[in-house]
Protein backbone atom coordinates (compact mmCIF):
# COMPACT_ATOMS: atom_id res chain seq x y z
CA UNK A 1 -24.20 -31.50 19.54
CA UNK A 2 -21.71 -34.38 19.74
CA UNK A 3 -18.79 -34.38 22.15
CA UNK A 4 -16.28 -33.95 19.30
CA UNK A 5 -18.21 -31.00 17.84
CA UNK A 6 -18.44 -29.40 21.27
CA UNK A 7 -14.69 -29.79 21.75
CA UNK A 8 -13.98 -28.22 18.33
CA UNK A 9 -16.21 -25.28 19.21
CA UNK A 10 -14.44 -24.81 22.56
CA UNK A 11 -11.03 -24.93 20.87
CA UNK A 12 -12.15 -22.30 18.35
CA UNK A 13 -13.51 -20.10 21.15
CA UNK A 14 -10.07 -20.22 22.78
CA UNK A 15 -7.96 -19.75 19.64
CA UNK A 16 -10.02 -16.82 18.38
CA UNK A 17 -8.98 -14.94 21.54
CA UNK A 18 -5.25 -15.24 20.89
CA UNK A 19 -3.75 -11.71 20.73
CA UNK A 20 -3.37 -10.30 17.19
CA UNK A 21 -0.25 -8.37 18.24
CA UNK A 22 1.58 -11.70 18.49
CA UNK A 23 0.93 -13.65 15.25
CA UNK A 24 3.33 -16.37 16.42
CA UNK A 25 0.62 -17.59 18.82
CA UNK A 26 -1.50 -18.74 15.89
CA UNK A 27 1.50 -20.36 14.25
CA UNK A 28 2.31 -22.32 17.41
CA UNK A 29 -1.34 -23.34 17.77
CA UNK A 30 -1.38 -24.67 14.21
CA UNK A 31 1.57 -26.95 15.04
CA UNK A 32 -0.25 -28.72 17.88
CA UNK A 33 -2.14 -31.14 15.62
CA UNK A 34 -3.67 -31.42 12.15
CA UNK A 35 -7.24 -30.54 13.27
CA UNK A 36 -5.99 -27.32 14.85
CA UNK A 37 -3.98 -26.54 11.72
CA UNK A 38 -7.05 -27.00 9.51
CA UNK A 39 -9.05 -24.80 11.87
CA UNK A 40 -6.56 -21.93 12.00
CA UNK A 41 -5.88 -22.05 8.24
CA UNK A 42 -9.56 -22.11 7.30
CA UNK A 43 -11.27 -19.01 5.88
CA UNK A 44 -14.13 -19.26 8.40
CA UNK A 45 -11.73 -18.97 11.35
CA UNK A 46 -9.81 -16.09 9.78
CA UNK A 47 -13.07 -14.22 9.17
CA UNK A 48 -14.24 -14.84 12.75
CA UNK A 49 -10.83 -13.83 14.09
CA UNK A 50 -11.00 -10.51 12.22
CA UNK A 51 -14.57 -9.87 13.36
CA UNK A 52 -13.72 -10.68 16.99
CA UNK A 53 -10.72 -8.33 17.12
CA UNK A 54 -12.37 -5.78 14.79
CA UNK A 55 -9.40 -3.71 13.63
CA UNK A 56 -6.13 -5.23 12.41
CA UNK A 57 -3.39 -4.67 14.96
CA UNK A 58 -0.54 -2.30 14.10
CA UNK A 59 2.52 -4.54 13.77
CA UNK A 60 5.01 -1.78 13.06
CA UNK A 61 5.91 1.31 11.07
CA UNK A 62 8.21 1.87 8.11
CA UNK A 63 10.85 4.51 8.70
CA UNK A 64 12.91 6.39 6.11
CA UNK A 65 16.51 7.02 7.20
CA UNK A 66 19.58 8.57 5.64
CA UNK A 67 22.94 6.83 5.88
CA UNK A 68 25.71 5.68 3.56
CA UNK A 69 23.14 5.31 0.79
CA UNK A 70 21.07 8.40 -0.12
CA UNK A 71 18.13 6.87 1.77
CA UNK A 72 17.08 3.52 3.13
CA UNK A 73 14.05 2.12 4.92
CA UNK A 74 13.65 0.18 8.15
CA UNK A 75 10.74 -1.71 9.67
CA UNK A 76 10.25 -0.67 13.30
CA UNK A 77 8.01 -3.19 15.12
CA UNK A 78 5.46 -1.98 17.64
CA UNK A 79 4.75 -5.51 18.89
CA UNK A 80 6.54 -8.84 19.30
CA UNK A 81 6.14 -9.43 15.55
CA UNK A 82 9.47 -9.41 13.69
CA UNK A 83 10.25 -9.47 9.98
CA UNK A 84 13.08 -11.51 8.50
CA UNK A 85 15.26 -8.48 7.78
CA UNK A 86 14.06 -5.17 9.25
CA UNK A 87 16.61 -3.09 7.31
CA UNK A 88 15.90 -2.52 3.62
CA UNK A 89 19.00 -0.86 2.10
CA UNK A 90 18.79 1.07 -1.17
CA UNK A 91 15.00 1.02 -1.05
CA UNK A 92 12.76 3.96 -0.27
CA UNK A 93 9.30 3.29 1.11
CA UNK A 94 6.76 5.09 -1.07
CA UNK A 95 3.39 3.94 0.23
CA UNK A 96 1.74 1.45 2.57
CA UNK A 97 -1.85 0.24 2.42
CA UNK A 98 -3.97 -2.90 2.85
CA UNK A 99 -1.13 -4.86 4.46
CA UNK A 100 1.32 -4.13 1.63
CA UNK A 101 4.20 -1.70 1.28
CA UNK A 102 5.52 -0.16 -1.93
CA UNK A 103 9.23 0.57 -2.36
CA UNK A 104 11.27 2.33 -5.04
CA UNK A 105 14.95 2.72 -5.78
CA UNK A 106 16.29 5.71 -3.91
CA UNK A 107 17.16 7.95 -6.84
CA UNK A 108 16.21 7.18 -10.47
CA UNK A 109 18.57 9.89 -11.74
CA UNK A 110 21.53 8.03 -10.20
CA UNK A 111 20.48 4.45 -10.87
CA UNK A 112 19.11 5.10 -14.35
CA UNK A 113 16.08 2.91 -13.69
CA UNK A 114 13.14 3.07 -11.35
CA UNK A 115 12.39 -0.30 -9.79
CA UNK A 116 9.21 -0.80 -7.80
CA UNK A 117 8.63 -3.63 -5.33
CA UNK A 118 5.48 -4.56 -3.40
CA UNK A 119 6.35 -6.17 -0.06
CA UNK A 120 4.08 -8.02 2.36
CA UNK A 121 5.59 -7.87 5.88
CA UNK A 122 3.44 -10.75 7.16
CA UNK A 123 4.70 -13.23 4.56
CA UNK A 124 7.94 -11.49 3.46
CA UNK A 125 6.71 -11.93 -0.11
CA UNK A 126 8.24 -9.48 -2.59
CA UNK A 127 6.74 -8.87 -6.01
CA UNK A 128 8.50 -6.67 -8.54
CA UNK A 129 6.53 -4.27 -10.68
CA UNK A 130 7.82 -3.53 -14.21
CA UNK A 131 9.19 -0.06 -14.75
CA UNK A 132 6.50 2.50 -15.55
CA UNK A 133 6.64 4.82 -18.50
CA UNK A 134 7.92 7.47 -19.21
CA UNK A 135 11.54 6.58 -18.66
CA UNK A 136 13.12 7.88 -15.41
CA UNK A 137 15.22 10.52 -17.15
CA UNK A 138 12.01 12.16 -18.39
CA UNK A 139 10.80 13.06 -14.93
CA UNK A 140 12.12 14.11 -11.54
CA UNK A 141 9.05 14.46 -9.33
CA UNK A 142 6.89 11.40 -8.76
CA UNK A 143 4.53 9.72 -6.30
CA UNK A 144 3.04 6.24 -6.19
CA UNK A 145 0.47 4.22 -4.28
CA UNK A 146 -0.35 0.55 -3.72
CA UNK A 147 -3.80 -0.84 -2.96
CA UNK A 148 -5.69 -4.12 -2.90
CA UNK A 149 -7.43 -5.08 -6.15
CA UNK A 150 -9.64 -7.90 -4.83
CA UNK A 151 -13.30 -7.17 -5.47
CA UNK A 152 -15.41 -6.98 -2.31
CA UNK A 153 -12.38 -7.36 -0.02
CA UNK A 154 -12.68 -6.06 3.55
CA UNK A 155 -8.90 -5.43 3.54
CA UNK A 156 -8.33 -7.36 6.74
CA UNK A 157 -6.45 -10.19 5.04
CA UNK A 158 -5.14 -9.12 1.62
CA UNK A 159 -1.96 -11.21 1.78
CA UNK A 160 -1.17 -12.92 -1.51
CA UNK A 161 -4.07 -11.27 -3.31
CA UNK A 162 -4.10 -9.07 -6.42
CA UNK A 163 -2.95 -5.48 -6.13
CA UNK A 164 -2.71 -2.28 -8.14
CA UNK A 165 -0.01 0.37 -8.23
CA UNK A 166 -0.72 3.94 -9.30
CA UNK A 167 2.23 6.03 -10.50
CA UNK A 168 2.06 9.81 -10.97
CA UNK A 169 4.97 11.85 -12.35
CA UNK A 170 5.60 15.38 -13.55
CA UNK A 171 7.77 16.68 -16.37
CA UNK A 172 8.46 20.17 -15.03
CA UNK A 173 9.99 21.37 -18.28
CA UNK A 174 6.75 20.71 -20.15
CA UNK A 175 4.39 21.33 -17.24
CA UNK A 176 2.77 17.94 -17.83
CA UNK A 177 1.66 15.55 -15.09
CA UNK A 178 1.01 11.93 -16.10
CA UNK A 179 -0.47 8.88 -14.39
CA UNK A 180 -0.60 5.14 -15.04
CA UNK A 181 -2.11 2.18 -13.20
CA UNK A 182 -0.51 -1.27 -12.91
CA UNK A 183 -2.51 -4.44 -12.29
CA UNK A 184 -0.90 -7.57 -10.87
CA UNK A 185 -3.67 -9.61 -12.51
CA UNK A 186 -2.74 -8.51 -16.04
CA UNK A 187 0.94 -7.85 -15.29
CA UNK A 188 0.80 -4.61 -17.28
CA UNK A 189 0.30 -0.86 -16.98
CA UNK A 190 -2.75 0.81 -18.51
CA UNK A 191 -2.55 3.61 -21.05
CA UNK A 192 -0.92 6.78 -19.80
CA UNK A 193 -3.14 9.72 -18.82
CA UNK A 194 -1.69 13.24 -18.97
CA UNK A 195 -2.75 16.69 -17.88
CA UNK A 196 -1.08 20.01 -18.67
CA UNK A 197 -0.90 22.32 -15.68
CA UNK A 198 2.14 24.61 -15.41
CA UNK A 199 1.96 25.01 -11.64
CA UNK A 200 0.89 21.58 -10.39
CA UNK A 201 3.60 19.01 -9.74
CA UNK A 202 3.69 15.55 -8.17
CA UNK A 203 5.23 15.53 -4.72
CA UNK A 204 6.85 12.58 -2.97
CA UNK A 205 4.40 12.08 -0.11
CA UNK A 206 1.79 9.66 1.17
CA UNK A 207 -1.42 9.39 -0.83
CA UNK A 208 -5.02 9.21 0.36
CA UNK A 209 -7.50 6.64 -0.97
CA UNK A 210 -11.13 7.79 -0.94
CA UNK A 211 -13.80 5.80 -2.77
CA UNK A 212 -12.58 5.19 -6.32
CA UNK A 213 -9.91 7.89 -6.31
CA UNK A 214 -6.37 8.44 -5.10
CA UNK A 215 -5.23 11.88 -3.99
CA UNK A 216 -1.58 12.89 -4.15
CA UNK A 217 -0.25 16.00 -2.48
CA UNK A 218 1.29 18.44 -4.91
CA UNK A 219 3.39 21.52 -4.33
CA UNK A 220 1.91 24.75 -3.00
CA UNK A 221 -1.90 24.55 -2.79
CA UNK A 222 -2.40 21.80 -5.36
CA UNK A 223 -3.61 18.21 -5.01
CA UNK A 224 -3.57 15.65 -7.82
CA UNK A 225 -6.64 13.41 -8.13
CA UNK A 226 -6.51 10.14 -10.07
CA UNK A 227 -9.75 8.27 -10.75
CA UNK A 228 -9.01 4.53 -10.75
CA UNK A 229 -11.89 3.23 -12.87
CA UNK A 230 -12.00 5.95 -15.51
CA UNK A 231 -8.24 6.71 -15.40
CA UNK A 232 -9.06 10.43 -15.35
CA UNK A 233 -6.58 12.90 -13.92
CA UNK A 234 -7.49 16.16 -12.20
CA UNK A 235 -5.74 18.96 -10.33
CA UNK A 236 -7.43 20.41 -7.27
CA UNK A 237 -6.48 23.93 -6.26
CA UNK A 238 -7.18 25.15 -2.74
CA UNK A 239 -8.63 28.65 -2.92
CA UNK A 240 -8.43 31.40 -0.35
CA UNK A 241 -11.18 31.48 2.25
CA UNK A 242 -14.35 33.25 1.20
CA UNK A 243 -16.82 34.17 3.96
CA UNK A 244 -14.78 32.05 6.34
CA UNK A 245 -15.03 28.90 4.19
CA UNK A 246 -12.19 27.33 2.19
CA UNK A 247 -12.85 26.50 -1.46
CA UNK A 248 -11.49 24.06 -4.02
CA UNK A 249 -11.25 24.47 -7.79
CA UNK A 250 -11.03 21.34 -9.95
CA UNK A 251 -9.10 21.39 -13.22
CA UNK A 252 -9.03 18.49 -15.68
């Protein structure tokens, strides 16, 4: 191994140990010289950095507050990392996953439209999502989720990559729950999927992503399941315990 190669390896061994809770350390290191910048910006270093530190560090939490507006959101850092503007007025955080956060206007019945924005705290990049259908006046209860759409991604560095947004809403008057999926790669929503269930209703709460499905908490003992690939919609009903074991009934 040449002296220059040995030095590059030593530099990488040092830089890979910079604390993930302070991303500014990597930024400062990249400003030292062009070779260091190429090293830090390279995919091989980023992969090794993720493997060395294993789990991504928690940079902060998104908090929903009530003030002059009906609701607003604020980024509360848990490390030295800071966003450009931690206060996000008039926006309500809906979901957060794979390094991205999904926001919606606070009240579609007041605003008349439902705007959705995907925000990346690390880059401060904001990407607007076109309004889903049906129109806001047709529904009151809704839930949504954002997730990475890159195939084979380990979700340790999804910044700037493709994403999907799932939107589930309920028309209580008709007892119909509907779902649609938006793709940033096509810039469009897929065909709407609907399910009639008089008692199930979408509930504004965090979703759970398991395998190829998203699960949204409904009211009472109901959970709404949306299959991402097949675009199938189901309602799961929690049954009373039988012989000490809880049961689930799937409707769809």
